Amino acid sequence: MPSRSAPSRSDNLRREIAALAARMMAEDGIGDYGFAKRKAARQLGVNESETLPTNAEIEAALRTWQALYQNDEHQARVREMREAAVDIMRALADFRPYLTGGVLDGTAGRYAQIEIDLFPESAKDVEIFFLNENVAYEHRTPRHPGPNPPEAVLAFDWGDMPVRLSIYPAGAERLGRRSHERARLPQVEALLQAPSSGPTP
C-alpha cells in the first residue's frame, strides 16, 4: 500500500492561515474572506505572494471552529438572524429580496450583518419606501467594486441586528451570484423549518 507523502510547507502554511483567518472571522466580526486571509498571513509573517488558502478552505475552517467553540451560541444566533431576515424580506417583498452571505450559509458570527440583495425597478423606490416607513438608514460604499456592482448599498438596524442591502438593477437578477449563494424568501423559511437551523451543507 503506497505511503502518503508528508504535507509540504505550503500545505501547512495554508492550513495555519485558514485556521487563523477563521478565528478572526468568528471572534472579531471580519466578514470578508480575502481581508481575513491577508491579515492572517501578515500576522504569521507569510508573504502574500505565497499560496494563500481558498475561500472554501477558510469556510471549512470557520465551520470547524464554530462547531468546537461556539456551537450552541452560534446556532442560536444564526436562527435568530434568519428569523429577522424573513421579517425583512417580507417587508421588502416588492423589491425581490434574496438572502446572501453568512446568515444564509450558516457561518455568520457574533458580529455578522444580515446581507440582502434587492432587484427593484428603481433604487429610488427602496429609499422612498424607507422614508415612508420612517426607517433610518445610511449609504455605504460597495464592498467589492467590479463587474456588475450594486447601484446602492444601504445599511440600517433591525432591532439589534445590522442589515446591509445591496440594490441592483432589476435586469441583473439573473447575473452575479450562483443560485446556492442566495435564496428567496420561501427557501429561507424552509431553512427555519428544518430540524436544525445551523450551518447549511
Protein backbone atom coordinates (compact mmCIF):
# COMPACT_ATOMS: atom_id res chain seq x y z
CA MET A 1 0.00 0.00 0.00
CA PRO A 2 1.61 3.29 -1.03
CA SER A 3 2.50 5.63 1.85
CA ARG A 4 1.16 9.14 1.92
CA SER A 5 3.72 11.87 1.46
CA ALA A 6 4.21 14.33 4.32
CA PRO A 7 2.38 17.66 3.97
CA SER A 8 4.51 20.27 2.28
CA ARG A 9 5.47 23.57 3.91
CA SER A 10 2.99 25.25 1.58
CA ASP A 11 0.17 22.94 2.72
CA ASN A 12 0.97 23.58 6.38
CA LEU A 13 1.04 27.34 5.82
CA ARG A 14 -2.31 27.25 4.04
CA ARG A 15 -3.85 25.38 6.99
CA GLU A 16 -2.34 27.78 9.53
CA ILE A 17 -3.56 30.82 7.61
CA ALA A 18 -7.03 29.30 7.15
CA ALA A 19 -7.31 28.48 10.86
CA LEU A 20 -6.24 31.96 11.96
CA ALA A 21 -8.47 33.66 9.39
CA ALA A 22 -11.41 31.54 10.58
CA ARG A 23 -10.79 32.53 14.21
CA MET A 24 -10.65 36.20 13.23
CA MET A 25 -13.93 35.89 11.37
CA ALA A 26 -15.60 34.09 14.27
CA GLU A 27 -14.27 36.28 17.10
CA ASP A 28 -13.59 39.69 15.56
CA GLY A 29 -16.51 40.02 13.18
CA ILE A 30 -14.47 40.10 9.97
CA GLY A 31 -16.86 39.24 7.16
CA ASP A 32 -14.57 39.32 4.14
CA TYR A 33 -12.63 36.15 3.34
CA GLY A 34 -9.99 37.98 1.34
CA PHE A 35 -9.31 40.52 4.07
CA ALA A 36 -9.22 37.81 6.76
CA LYS A 37 -6.71 35.64 4.92
CA ARG A 38 -4.43 38.58 4.08
CA LYS A 39 -4.49 39.75 7.70
CA ALA A 40 -3.80 36.22 8.95
CA ALA A 41 -0.91 35.85 6.51
CA ARG A 42 0.64 39.10 7.73
CA GLN A 43 0.31 38.05 11.37
CA LEU A 44 2.04 34.76 10.58
CA GLY A 45 4.79 36.53 8.66
CA VAL A 46 3.80 34.94 5.38
CA ASN A 47 4.38 36.80 2.14
CA GLU A 48 1.07 37.33 0.35
CA SER A 49 2.71 36.22 -2.88
CA GLU A 50 2.88 32.72 -1.42
CA THR A 51 -0.08 30.40 -1.91
CA LEU A 52 -2.96 31.51 0.31
CA PRO A 53 -5.90 29.28 1.23
CA THR A 54 -9.03 29.46 -0.86
CA ASN A 55 -12.28 30.90 0.47
CA ALA A 56 -13.65 27.34 0.60
CA GLU A 57 -10.73 26.26 2.82
CA ILE A 58 -11.34 29.18 5.18
CA GLU A 59 -15.07 28.47 5.26
CA ALA A 60 -14.36 24.84 6.22
CA ALA A 61 -12.01 26.01 8.98
CA LEU A 62 -14.62 28.53 10.15
CA ARG A 63 -17.32 25.87 10.39
CA THR A 64 -14.94 23.64 12.38
CA TRP A 65 -14.01 26.49 14.75
CA GLN A 66 -17.63 27.45 15.35
CA ALA A 67 -18.62 23.84 15.98
CA LEU A 68 -15.82 23.46 18.55
CA TYR A 69 -16.05 26.76 20.40
CA GLN A 70 -19.38 28.44 19.68
CA ASN A 71 -21.77 25.67 18.74
CA ASP A 72 -24.87 26.39 20.88
CA GLU A 73 -24.41 30.15 20.81
CA HIS A 74 -23.68 30.09 17.10
CA GLN A 75 -26.70 28.01 16.13
CA ALA A 76 -29.00 30.19 18.23
CA ARG A 77 -27.57 33.36 16.66
CA VAL A 78 -27.91 32.04 13.10
CA ARG A 79 -31.53 31.07 13.75
CA GLU A 80 -32.31 34.48 15.26
CA MET A 81 -30.74 36.24 12.27
CA ARG A 82 -32.61 34.05 9.78
CA GLU A 83 -35.88 34.85 11.56
CA ALA A 84 -35.08 38.55 11.29
CA ALA A 85 -34.14 38.09 7.62
CA VAL A 86 -37.57 36.54 6.94
CA ASP A 87 -39.29 39.55 8.51
CA ILE A 88 -37.16 41.98 6.48
CA MET A 89 -37.69 40.07 3.23
CA ARG A 90 -41.45 40.08 3.80
CA ALA A 91 -41.37 43.83 4.34
CA LEU A 92 -39.30 44.31 1.18
CA ALA A 93 -41.12 41.70 -0.92
CA ASP A 94 -41.94 44.20 -3.69
CA PHE A 95 -38.22 44.65 -4.37
CA ARG A 96 -37.38 40.97 -5.00
CA PRO A 97 -35.13 40.29 -2.00
CA TYR A 98 -32.56 37.48 -1.77
CA LEU A 99 -30.70 36.49 1.40
CA THR A 100 -26.93 36.03 0.91
CA GLY A 101 -23.77 35.74 2.99
CA GLY A 102 -23.11 34.08 6.33
CA VAL A 103 -26.71 34.16 7.56
CA LEU A 104 -27.70 32.05 4.57
CA ASP A 105 -24.78 29.60 4.59
CA GLY A 106 -24.72 29.31 8.38
CA THR A 107 -21.29 30.80 9.06
CA ALA A 108 -22.50 34.14 10.46
CA GLY A 109 -20.53 35.06 13.57
CA ARG A 110 -21.34 37.25 16.56
CA TYR A 111 -20.90 40.49 14.66
CA ALA A 112 -22.21 39.47 11.24
CA GLN A 113 -24.63 41.54 9.19
CA ILE A 114 -27.79 40.28 7.56
CA GLU A 115 -26.95 40.65 3.88
CA ILE A 116 -29.80 41.01 1.39
CA ASP A 117 -29.69 41.69 -2.35
CA LEU A 118 -32.61 43.60 -3.89
CA PHE A 119 -33.64 43.89 -7.54
CA PRO A 120 -36.22 46.71 -7.67
CA GLU A 121 -37.39 48.57 -10.74
CA SER A 122 -35.62 51.62 -9.29
CA ALA A 123 -33.20 52.05 -6.37
CA LYS A 124 -35.07 55.25 -5.52
CA ASP A 125 -38.20 53.18 -4.85
CA VAL A 126 -36.42 51.45 -1.97
CA GLU A 127 -35.31 54.74 -0.43
CA ILE A 128 -38.82 56.20 -0.81
CA PHE A 129 -40.18 53.10 0.95
CA PHE A 130 -37.73 53.60 3.83
CA LEU A 131 -38.61 57.28 4.12
CA ASN A 132 -42.34 56.49 4.16
CA GLU A 133 -41.78 53.85 6.86
CA ASN A 134 -39.51 56.18 8.89
CA VAL A 135 -36.63 53.71 8.74
CA ALA A 136 -33.28 55.40 9.37
CA TYR A 137 -30.54 54.20 7.01
CA GLU A 138 -27.21 55.29 5.61
CA HIS A 139 -25.44 54.88 2.30
CA ARG A 140 -22.35 52.66 2.24
CA THR A 141 -19.61 52.18 -0.33
CA PRO A 142 -19.94 48.87 -2.23
CA ARG A 143 -17.57 46.35 -0.68
CA HIS A 144 -16.47 44.71 -3.92
CA PRO A 145 -16.45 47.25 -6.74
CA GLY A 146 -16.03 45.46 -10.05
CA PRO A 147 -18.23 43.97 -12.74
CA ASN A 148 -21.96 44.34 -12.06
CA PRO A 149 -21.63 46.36 -8.82
CA PRO A 150 -24.75 47.33 -6.87
CA GLU A 151 -26.37 50.67 -7.70
CA ALA A 152 -26.55 51.48 -4.00
CA VAL A 153 -25.77 49.93 -0.63
CA LEU A 154 -27.97 50.85 2.34
CA ALA A 155 -27.25 49.96 5.96
CA PHE A 156 -29.74 50.04 8.83
CA ASP A 157 -30.54 48.24 12.08
CA TRP A 158 -33.37 45.78 12.51
CA GLY A 159 -33.74 45.63 16.26
CA ASP A 160 -30.19 44.93 17.44
CA MET A 161 -29.10 43.37 14.15
CA PRO A 162 -27.15 45.24 11.47
CA VAL A 163 -28.53 44.85 7.95
CA ARG A 164 -26.82 45.54 4.63
CA LEU A 165 -28.93 45.92 1.49
CA SER A 166 -27.19 45.76 -1.88
CA ILE A 167 -29.50 47.21 -4.54
CA TYR A 168 -29.05 46.05 -8.14
CA PRO A 169 -30.86 46.89 -11.37
CA ALA A 170 -33.86 44.65 -11.99
CA GLY A 171 -32.19 43.19 -15.10
CA ALA A 172 -29.20 41.96 -13.08
CA GLU A 173 -31.25 39.41 -11.18
CA ARG A 174 -30.14 36.60 -13.47
CA LEU A 175 -26.49 37.61 -13.23
CA GLY A 176 -23.95 37.66 -10.45
CA ARG A 177 -24.22 35.18 -7.58
CA ARG A 178 -24.80 31.50 -8.21
CA SER A 179 -28.12 30.08 -7.05
CA HIS A 180 -26.62 28.37 -3.98
CA GLU A 181 -25.18 31.70 -2.81
CA ARG A 182 -28.53 33.44 -2.47
CA ALA A 183 -32.07 32.42 -1.52
CA ARG A 184 -35.57 33.79 -1.96
CA LEU A 185 -37.99 34.05 0.96
CA PRO A 186 -39.53 30.53 0.64
CA GLN A 187 -36.05 28.97 0.79
CA VAL A 188 -35.16 30.92 3.93
CA GLU A 189 -38.47 29.97 5.54
CA ALA A 190 -37.70 26.33 4.70
CA LEU A 191 -34.34 26.61 6.49
CA LEU A 192 -36.19 27.65 9.64
CA GLN A 193 -38.47 24.64 9.36
CA ALA A 194 -35.51 22.24 9.23
CA PRO A 195 -34.64 20.29 12.42
CA SER A 196 -31.53 22.45 12.88
CA SER A 197 -31.01 25.95 11.55
CA GLY A 198 -27.25 25.69 11.92
CA PRO A 199 -24.78 25.71 9.03
CA THR A 200 -26.10 24.57 5.70
CA PRO A 201 -24.21 21.79 3.91
